[in-house]
Protein backbone atom coordinates (compact mmCIF):
# COMPACT_ATOMS: atom_id res chain seq x y z
CA UNK A 1 20.77 168.86 60.53
CA UNK A 2 21.16 171.54 63.30
CA UNK A 3 20.39 170.90 66.77
CA UNK A 4 17.80 173.66 66.94
CA UNK A 5 14.52 173.09 65.30
CA UNK A 6 13.89 175.83 62.91
CA UNK A 7 10.58 174.78 61.76
CA UNK A 8 8.48 175.24 64.80
CA UNK A 9 6.82 178.57 63.39
CA UNK A 10 4.53 176.41 61.26
CA UNK A 11 2.48 175.24 64.10
CA UNK A 12 1.41 178.97 64.46
CA UNK A 13 -2.42 179.75 63.55
CA UNK A 14 -1.12 181.56 60.25
CA UNK A 15 -0.51 178.37 58.74
CA UNK A 16 -2.72 175.80 57.44
CA UNK A 17 -1.62 172.06 56.85
CA UNK A 18 -2.49 170.45 53.52
CA UNK A 19 -1.87 167.17 52.65
CA UNK A 20 -0.80 165.85 49.21
CA UNK A 21 -3.63 163.06 48.36
CA UNK A 22 -1.24 160.82 46.53
CA UNK A 23 2.05 161.32 48.52
CA UNK A 24 0.76 162.05 51.79
CA UNK A 25 3.38 164.83 52.34
CA UNK A 26 2.10 167.45 54.44
CA UNK A 27 2.68 171.26 53.59
CA UNK A 28 1.97 174.53 55.43
CA UNK A 29 0.34 177.17 53.69
CA UNK A 30 0.48 180.79 54.84
CA UNK A 31 -2.59 183.03 55.22
CA UNK A 32 -5.50 180.82 54.57
CA UNK A 33 -8.28 182.85 56.01
CA UNK A 34 -9.96 186.31 56.85
CA UNK A 35 -7.13 188.60 58.51
CA UNK A 36 -4.52 185.96 57.69
CA UNK A 37 -3.18 187.48 54.47
CA UNK A 38 -1.68 190.73 52.75
CA UNK A 39 -3.13 190.30 49.40
CA UNK A 40 -4.92 188.10 46.86
CA UNK A 41 -1.83 186.10 45.68
CA UNK A 42 1.28 185.70 47.61
CA UNK A 43 4.23 184.12 46.34
CA UNK A 44 7.65 182.87 47.41
CA UNK A 45 10.90 184.64 46.09
CA UNK A 46 12.78 183.05 43.25
CA UNK A 47 14.65 180.07 44.07
CA UNK A 48 17.90 181.64 44.05
CA UNK A 49 17.09 184.16 46.75
CA UNK A 50 16.65 183.27 50.21
CA UNK A 51 13.54 185.02 52.01
CA UNK A 52 13.81 183.33 55.49
CA UNK A 53 15.82 185.45 58.24
CA UNK A 54 17.09 183.38 60.88
CA UNK A 55 18.98 185.52 63.85
CA UNK A 56 19.68 184.55 67.43
CA UNK A 57 17.75 184.39 70.48
CA UNK A 58 19.21 185.82 73.91
CA UNK A 59 21.14 182.29 74.22
CA UNK A 60 22.67 182.79 70.83
CA UNK A 61 20.90 180.04 69.48
CA UNK A 62 19.32 180.20 66.18
CA UNK A 63 16.04 181.66 65.78
CA UNK A 64 13.68 182.40 62.69
CA UNK A 65 12.77 186.02 62.89
CA UNK A 66 11.02 187.06 59.72
CA UNK A 67 9.88 185.47 56.26
CA UNK A 68 9.47 188.03 53.31
CA UNK A 69 7.38 187.37 49.98
CA UNK A 70 5.71 188.96 46.99
CA UNK A 71 2.24 190.17 46.99
CA UNK A 72 0.11 191.16 44.10
CA UNK A 73 -3.47 191.73 43.35
CA UNK A 74 -4.83 191.36 39.77
CA UNK A 75 -5.19 193.16 37.59
CA UNK A 76 -2.46 195.56 38.60
CA UNK A 77 1.26 194.74 37.60
CA UNK A 78 2.91 191.69 36.13
CA UNK A 79 6.28 189.71 36.88
CA UNK A 80 8.27 192.35 34.99
CA UNK A 81 6.91 195.39 37.49
CA UNK A 82 4.19 196.04 40.00
CA UNK A 83 4.41 193.26 43.06
CA UNK A 84 5.32 194.34 46.33
CA UNK A 85 6.73 192.89 49.59
CA UNK A 86 5.11 191.42 52.51
CA UNK A 87 6.40 189.84 55.56
CA UNK A 88 5.55 187.90 58.43
CA UNK A 89 7.03 188.60 61.83
CA UNK A 90 7.77 185.05 63.24
CA UNK A 91 8.34 186.53 66.95
CA UNK A 92 4.95 188.54 67.09
CA UNK A 93 3.11 186.64 64.44
CA UNK A 94 2.29 190.02 62.65
CA UNK A 95 1.98 190.13 58.93
CA UNK A 96 2.87 193.73 57.19
CA UNK A 97 2.69 195.03 53.85
CA UNK A 98 5.18 197.41 52.39
CA UNK A 99 3.19 199.17 49.27
CA UNK A 100 6.26 201.42 48.71
CA UNK A 101 8.49 198.23 47.69
CA UNK A 102 7.03 198.25 43.94
CA UNK A 103 9.60 195.93 42.62
CA UNK A 104 10.79 194.82 38.77
CA UNK A 105 11.26 191.10 38.24
CA UNK A 106 12.37 189.18 40.78
CA UNK A 107 14.99 191.83 42.14
CA UNK A 108 14.26 191.45 45.99
CA UNK A 109 17.03 190.20 48.15
CA UNK A 110 17.49 189.45 51.86
CA UNK A 111 20.54 190.09 53.46
CA UNK A 112 20.81 186.72 55.45
CA UNK A 113 23.32 188.26 58.06
CA UNK A 114 21.58 191.66 58.91
CA UNK A 115 17.90 191.01 57.81
CA UNK A 116 17.78 194.26 55.51
CA UNK A 117 15.97 194.04 52.76
CA UNK A 118 16.91 195.17 48.95
CA UNK A 119 14.64 195.76 45.92
CA UNK A 120 14.97 197.15 42.40
CA UNK A 121 12.54 199.00 39.93
CA UNK A 122 13.23 201.56 37.01
CA UNK A 123 13.89 203.98 39.79
CA UNK A 124 16.97 202.46 41.20
CA UNK A 125 18.07 199.99 43.90
CA UNK A 126 16.42 200.59 47.48
CA UNK A 127 16.93 199.00 51.01
CA UNK A 128 14.82 198.53 54.00
CA UNK A 129 16.76 198.10 57.32
CA UNK A 130 15.46 195.02 59.20
CA UNK A 131 12.32 196.32 60.82
CA UNK A 132 11.83 196.73 64.78
CA UNK A 133 9.54 193.74 65.97
CA UNK A 134 7.89 196.18 68.25
CA UNK A 135 6.80 198.46 65.58
CA UNK A 136 2.93 198.52 65.03
CA UNK A 137 3.10 200.53 61.98
CA UNK A 138 4.77 200.44 58.49
CA UNK A 139 5.30 204.45 58.88
CA UNK A 140 8.18 203.34 61.04
CA UNK A 141 9.97 201.64 58.38
CA UNK A 142 11.97 204.21 55.86
CA UNK A 143 13.80 202.80 52.85
CA UNK A 144 16.94 204.02 51.59
CA UNK A 145 18.01 204.70 48.03
CA UNK A 146 21.26 202.54 47.63
CA UNK A 147 22.18 203.03 44.10
CA UNK A 148 20.77 204.77 40.78
CA UNK A 149 22.23 204.65 37.20
CA UNK A 150 23.91 208.02 35.82
CA UNK A 151 21.89 210.18 33.53
CA UNK A 152 24.58 209.74 31.11
CA UNK A 153 24.47 206.32 30.93
CA UNK A 154 20.65 206.11 30.88
CA UNK A 155 20.62 208.89 28.20
CA UNK A 156 16.68 209.05 28.27
CA UNK A 157 16.08 205.41 27.77
CA UNK A 158 13.72 203.19 29.48
CA UNK A 159 15.77 201.38 32.33
CA UNK A 160 14.12 197.74 31.79
CA UNK A 161 15.86 196.28 35.15
CA UNK A 162 18.72 196.75 37.62
CA UNK A 163 18.98 193.09 37.97
CA UNK A 164 16.66 190.32 37.65
CA UNK A 165 17.20 188.95 41.17
CA UNK A 166 20.03 190.86 43.03
CA UNK A 167 22.70 189.12 44.93
CA UNK A 168 25.23 190.31 47.37
CA UNK A 169 28.73 189.87 46.83
CA UNK A 170 31.01 187.38 48.73
CA UNK A 171 32.95 190.41 50.60
CA UNK A 172 29.43 192.14 51.08
CA UNK A 173 30.72 195.46 49.36
CA UNK A 174 28.43 195.44 46.10
CA UNK A 175 25.24 193.89 44.45
CA UNK A 176 25.08 192.12 41.17
CA UNK A 177 23.66 193.72 38.16
CA UNK A 178 22.46 192.64 34.92
CA UNK A 179 20.79 195.44 33.60
CA UNK A 180 18.95 195.98 30.18
CA UNK A 181 18.86 200.00 29.22
CA UNK A 182 16.92 200.69 26.25
CA UNK A 183 18.03 198.05 23.85
CA UNK A 184 21.31 197.45 25.68
CA UNK A 185 22.44 194.92 28.14
CA UNK A 186 25.24 195.17 30.98
CA UNK A 187 26.65 193.68 33.93
CA UNK A 188 28.48 195.13 36.40
CA UNK A 189 27.91 195.68 40.38
CA UNK A 190 26.28 198.41 42.53
CA UNK A 191 28.62 199.57 45.32
CA UNK A 192 27.39 199.46 48.86
CA UNK A 193 29.83 201.95 49.87
CA UNK A 194 27.42 204.81 50.33
CA UNK A 195 28.56 206.26 47.00
CA UNK A 196 25.67 205.18 44.91
CA UNK A 197 28.08 204.16 42.16
CA UNK A 198 27.52 201.52 39.60
CA UNK A 199 30.45 199.93 38.00
CA UNK A 200 29.73 198.65 34.39
CA UNK A 201 32.31 195.50 34.00
CA UNK A 202 30.94 194.88 30.31
CA UNK A 203 28.41 195.78 27.63
CA UNK A 204 26.90 192.79 26.17
CA UNK A 205 25.81 191.86 22.37
CA UNK A 206 22.29 193.07 21.64
CA UNK A 207 21.23 189.96 19.62
CA UNK A 208 20.20 188.47 22.94
CA UNK A 209 18.77 189.17 26.38
CA UNK A 210 21.23 188.72 29.24
CA UNK A 211 19.96 188.33 32.89
CA UNK A 212 20.03 186.08 35.92
CA UNK A 213 23.27 187.49 37.07
CA UNK A 214 24.44 185.66 40.38
CA UNK A 215 27.54 186.54 42.61
CA UNK A 216 29.65 183.68 43.44
CA UNK A 217 29.08 182.93 47.32
CA UNK A 218 32.91 183.08 48.09
CA UNK A 219 34.90 184.82 44.97
CA UNK A 220 33.93 188.48 45.24
CA UNK A 221 34.56 189.61 41.80
CA UNK A 222 33.18 186.77 39.83
CA UNK A 223 29.45 186.84 38.30
CA UNK A 224 27.38 183.95 36.77
CA UNK A 225 24.83 185.15 34.25
CA UNK A 226 22.84 183.96 31.36
CA UNK A 227 21.80 184.55 27.56
CA UNK A 228 18.20 184.55 27.33
CA UNK A 229 15.21 184.57 24.75
CA UNK A 230 14.86 187.94 23.14
CA UNK A 231 11.45 189.27 22.04
CA UNK A 232 11.64 191.88 19.05
CA UNK A 233 9.69 194.85 20.30
CA UNK A 234 8.64 195.47 16.82
CA UNK A 235 7.65 192.28 15.35
CA UNK A 236 7.04 190.15 18.63
CA UNK A 237 9.00 187.18 17.36
CA UNK A 238 11.30 185.34 19.79
CA UNK A 239 14.57 184.80 19.38
CA UNK A 240 16.10 181.44 21.11
CA UNK A 241 19.32 181.96 22.83
CA UNK A 242 22.32 179.43 21.37
CA UNK A 243 24.65 179.29 24.45
CA UNK A 244 23.06 179.83 27.92
CA UNK A 245 25.84 180.31 30.74
CA UNK A 246 28.34 182.71 31.02
CA UNK A 247 30.81 183.91 33.49
CA UNK A 248 32.59 187.10 34.06
CA UNK A 249 35.60 188.42 36.47
CA UNK A 250 35.86 191.88 37.22
CA UNK A 251 38.51 193.50 34.87
CA UNK A 252 37.92 190.72 32.45
CA UNK A 253 35.70 189.73 29.48
CA UNK A 254 32.90 187.41 29.86
CA UNK A 255 33.41 183.67 28.89
CA UNK A 256 31.14 181.01 27.99
CA UNK A 257 30.87 178.26 30.27
CA UNK A 258 30.55 175.69 27.61
CA UNK A 259 33.00 177.26 24.96
CA UNK A 260 32.23 174.45 22.29
CA UNK A 261 29.01 172.47 21.45
CA UNK A 262 29.21 169.30 24.01
CA UNK A 263 28.37 167.09 21.26
CA UNK A 264 31.24 168.18 18.95
CA UNK A 265 33.80 165.70 20.21
CA UNK A 266 31.15 162.87 20.89
CA UNK A 267 30.81 159.82 18.69
CA UNK A 268 28.41 160.48 15.51
CA UNK A 269 25.40 158.09 17.02
CA UNK A 270 25.41 159.88 20.02
CA UNK A 271 25.03 163.54 18.61
CA UNK A 272 22.32 161.87 16.31
CA UNK A 273 20.64 160.54 19.16
CA UNK A 274 20.39 163.94 21.11
CA UNK A 275 17.01 165.22 21.47
CA UNK A 276 16.03 167.78 19.11
CA UNK A 277 12.76 168.78 20.13
CA UNK A 278 12.72 171.36 23.05
CA UNK A 279 10.34 171.82 25.82
CA UNK A 280 10.72 175.13 27.63
CA UNK A 281 8.55 175.60 30.47
CA UNK A 282 8.75 179.61 30.24
CA UNK A 283 8.11 180.27 26.52
CA UNK A 284 5.02 177.55 25.20
CA UNK A 285 5.15 178.74 21.45
CA UNK A 286 8.58 177.31 21.32
CA UNK A 287 7.77 174.13 23.10
CA UNK A 288 8.26 172.32 19.68
CA UNK A 289 11.74 173.68 18.38
CA UNK A 290 14.44 171.84 16.73
CA UNK A 291 17.76 172.19 18.72
CA UNK A 292 20.97 170.61 17.85
CA UNK A 293 23.37 172.18 20.33
CA UNK A 294 22.91 171.22 23.94
CA UNK A 295 23.90 174.50 25.19
CA UNK A 296 20.72 175.97 23.78
CA UNK A 297 18.56 173.54 26.14
CA UNK A 298 20.53 174.56 29.33
CA UNK A 299 18.81 176.97 31.79
CA UNK A 300 17.87 178.19 35.30
CA UNK A 301 21.34 178.03 36.60
CA UNK A 302 22.39 178.45 40.21
CA UNK A 303 25.87 178.24 42.15
CA UNK A 304 26.27 175.26 44.78
CA UNK A 305 26.44 176.55 48.17
CA UNK A 306 30.24 176.33 48.65
CA UNK A 307 30.60 177.67 44.90
CA UNK A 308 32.52 174.80 43.54
CA UNK A 309 29.85 173.74 41.05
CA UNK A 310 27.38 175.32 38.48
CA UNK A 311 24.11 173.51 38.64
CA UNK A 312 21.50 173.75 35.86
CA UNK A 313 18.96 172.20 34.15
CA UNK A 314 19.42 170.67 30.84
CA UNK A 315 15.82 170.55 29.39
CA UNK A 316 14.91 167.03 28.19
CA UNK A 317 17.62 165.42 30.33
CA UNK A 318 17.62 166.54 34.02
CA UNK A 319 19.67 168.16 36.36
CA UNK A 320 23.31 168.66 35.71
CA UNK A 321 26.48 170.21 37.07
CA UNK A 322 30.04 171.33 36.15
CA UNK A 323 32.98 172.00 38.23
CA UNK A 324 33.69 175.78 38.36
CA UNK A 325 37.45 174.93 37.91
CA UNK A 326 36.53 173.31 34.30
CA UNK A 327 34.15 176.10 33.48
CA UNK A 328 35.14 177.86 30.10
CA UNK A 329 37.64 175.02 29.20
CA UNK A 330 37.68 173.74 25.81
CA UNK A 331 36.66 170.09 26.92
CA UNK A 332 34.18 171.46 29.57
CA UNK A 333 31.50 169.03 28.54
CA UNK A 334 33.95 166.15 29.89
CA UNK A 335 33.45 167.22 33.20
CA UNK A 336 29.51 167.53 33.02
CA UNK A 337 27.73 165.53 35.43
CA UNK A 338 24.06 164.53 35.49
CA UNK A 339 23.08 164.68 38.91
CA UNK A 340 19.27 163.71 38.26
CA UNK A 341 17.66 162.79 35.20
CA UNK A 342 14.12 164.27 34.80
CA UNK A 343 12.97 164.66 31.04
CA UNK A 344 10.45 167.66 32.23
CA UNK A 345 12.05 169.48 35.11
CA UNK A 346 11.78 173.08 34.97
CA UNK A 347 13.38 174.55 37.89
CA UNK A 348 15.49 172.89 40.91
CA UNK A 349 17.65 173.65 44.01
CA UNK A 350 20.14 171.81 45.99
CA UNK A 351 20.80 171.52 49.74
CA UNK A 352 23.97 173.05 51.19
CA UNK A 353 25.50 169.42 51.40
CA UNK A 354 24.49 168.56 48.07
CA UNK A 355 22.69 165.50 48.88
CA UNK A 356 19.12 166.35 48.17
CA UNK A 357 17.36 167.93 45.42
CA UNK A 358 13.89 169.87 45.02
CA UNK A 359 12.64 170.48 41.68
CA UNK A 360 9.50 171.37 39.77
CA UNK A 361 8.39 170.05 36.39
CA UNK A 362 5.76 172.29 34.46
CA UNK A 363 5.97 170.92 31.02
CA UNK A 364 3.61 173.33 28.76
CA UNK A 365 2.32 170.55 26.70
CA UNK A 366 1.20 168.21 29.66
CA UNK A 367 -0.57 170.23 32.32
CA UNK A 368 -1.81 167.18 33.86
CA UNK A 369 1.70 166.01 35.03
CA UNK A 370 2.98 169.43 36.70
CA UNK A 371 4.57 168.49 40.14
CA UNK A 372 6.84 169.59 42.74
CA UNK A 373 9.34 166.74 43.94
CA UNK A 374 11.98 165.98 46.72
CA UNK A 375 15.04 163.87 45.35
CA UNK A 376 16.75 162.02 48.19
CA UNK A 377 20.13 161.31 46.38
CA UNK A 378 21.72 159.43 48.89
CA UNK A 379 19.13 156.73 48.33
CA UNK A 380 18.08 157.80 44.91
CA UNK A 381 14.46 157.90 45.90
CA UNK A 382 11.79 160.50 45.52
CA UNK A 383 8.58 161.87 46.77
CA UNK A 384 6.16 164.38 45.52
CA UNK A 385 5.50 167.48 47.53
CA UNK A 386 2.65 168.33 45.22
CA UNK A 387 1.89 165.22 42.89
CA UNK A 388 -0.49 167.36 40.77
CA UNK A 389 0.47 171.14 40.55
CA UNK A 390 -2.89 172.65 39.31
CA UNK A 391 -2.28 175.33 36.39
CA UNK A 392 -3.18 178.78 37.62
CA UNK A 393 -6.00 181.00 36.09
CA UNK A 394 -4.63 182.19 32.70
CA UNK A 395 -5.05 185.82 34.16
CA UNK A 396 -2.16 184.57 36.49
CA UNK A 397 0.45 183.86 34.05
CA UNK A 398 1.67 187.26 33.50
CA UNK A 399 2.79 187.05 37.33
CA UNK A 400 4.96 183.87 36.60
CA UNK A 401 3.15 181.74 39.22
CA UNK A 402 5.74 178.83 39.05
CA UNK A 403 6.37 176.92 42.32
CA UNK A 404 10.33 177.64 42.43
CA UNK A 405 11.17 175.54 45.23
CA UNK A 406 13.95 176.36 47.49
CA UNK A 407 15.82 175.02 50.77
CA UNK A 408 15.74 177.17 53.49
CA UNK A 409 16.48 177.17 57.35
CA UNK A 410 19.76 175.49 57.32
CA UNK A 411 17.89 173.27 54.84
CA UNK A 412 15.21 172.15 57.45
CA UNK A 413 12.55 173.47 55.31
CA UNK A 414 11.73 173.79 51.61
CA UNK A 415 9.86 176.80 50.46
CA UNK A 416 7.73 177.12 47.40
CA UNK A 417 4.46 178.77 45.83
CA UNK A 418 1.44 176.75 45.57
CA UNK A 419 -1.59 176.90 43.50
CA UNK A 420 -3.61 173.80 45.27
CA UNK A 421 -6.14 176.42 46.92
CA UNK A 422 -7.02 178.16 43.32
CA UNK A 423 -4.59 181.11 44.22
CA UNK A 424 -1.00 181.63 44.64
CA UNK A 425 -0.03 180.71 48.02
CA UNK A 426 3.40 180.63 49.74
CA UNK A 427 3.79 177.37 51.54
CA UNK A 428 6.77 175.17 53.42
CA UNK A 429 7.30 171.71 53.90
CA UNK A 430 9.44 169.89 56.82
CA UNK A 431 12.70 168.41 54.90
CA UNK A 432 12.81 165.80 58.09
CA UNK A 433 9.43 164.39 56.62
CA UNK A 434 10.72 164.34 53.09
CA UNK A 435 13.74 162.31 54.17
CA UNK A 436 11.76 159.96 56.27
CA UNK A 437 9.48 159.08 53.45
CA UNK A 438 12.57 158.53 50.81
CA UNK A 439 14.86 156.25 53.10
CA UNK A 440 15.96 153.30 52.09
CA UNK A 441 13.53 150.18 52.67
């Protein structure tokens, strides 16, 4: 842990403590009361996207400066398009809404070095420079167009997205692109040199949706991306993906992380024992689907902080990882490590030192068991942050109200979305309390 306490802003009046009745862990909820919120519902960023900007004070000590979050007011919009951004100035305590930031999917991205915020919608990718804390009105904030697809590429078709969630290349020269235009998917990068140019690295098969692109944290020209469900626009039928995780390097063809079925070289009894009933938190109508290839049960992948591993969820098994050095090899499955077993896990995130995990579990067939949990890998002990995560109102399902917990503030905090007050709210919990609760007896 760093010497500087980056959690003291939680003691401000804008945050309301909430104590889990079972575990006793205290979360701090933003905006519980009149004049303390910007929207009917407020969400944390997607778990792979940082949202807390930590700058430095006059003594060059780290200091939290601004926190960003999603805003939405039903019945307008959905998780696909229509939510907007809000921020909390952690120096002045001022909340600020940016109505011009209507974004698609989970595209907003915080540049953790400059404090600038990026987002995308069908009209392009835009940037808002780190706002002046002394500014009293949002008119002082002017967004700039960063990149837009050429008319020749779009060819009159609908731009479904520019990126599921924008990420910055390790050399800070580009943003990762995983777009869908009409019925075609592409991966590539949007250059940040002022040209507005977007490079297409590869056009992908139309049999699936391709999304969740993430730049490698240290290698500029390497993207991790996902094969995902595809819903037929005519019939409404959903097609399951077969091989979830892929990587691509600029100038090369994409390759699967696991080229072969991980069970293909295993003993027959092990293959027979593999669970063939899938539970996917996002697609309830596919919750009982026969699956015989584990690659169709992988999901919600992310890079380790150092980029040496690809972490992912293996549904009905737990949290796994594979070294990047072995990804794409024919025998990649031999390098797979089960980091933490958890049959109903939906999303997870690892601390930078990879000694701690935070996860949520949202099985569609067991709503009374939904929870948000902290895992201390050093002691192999756990504690629930939210022991019973209330299912949101059915009208809110289209906004994708999942906890999506993530470590932030140099791993001193966990940020997540909570529904314990009957709406979507942003919440934080101190990691020090979680570690204390999971120390060895």
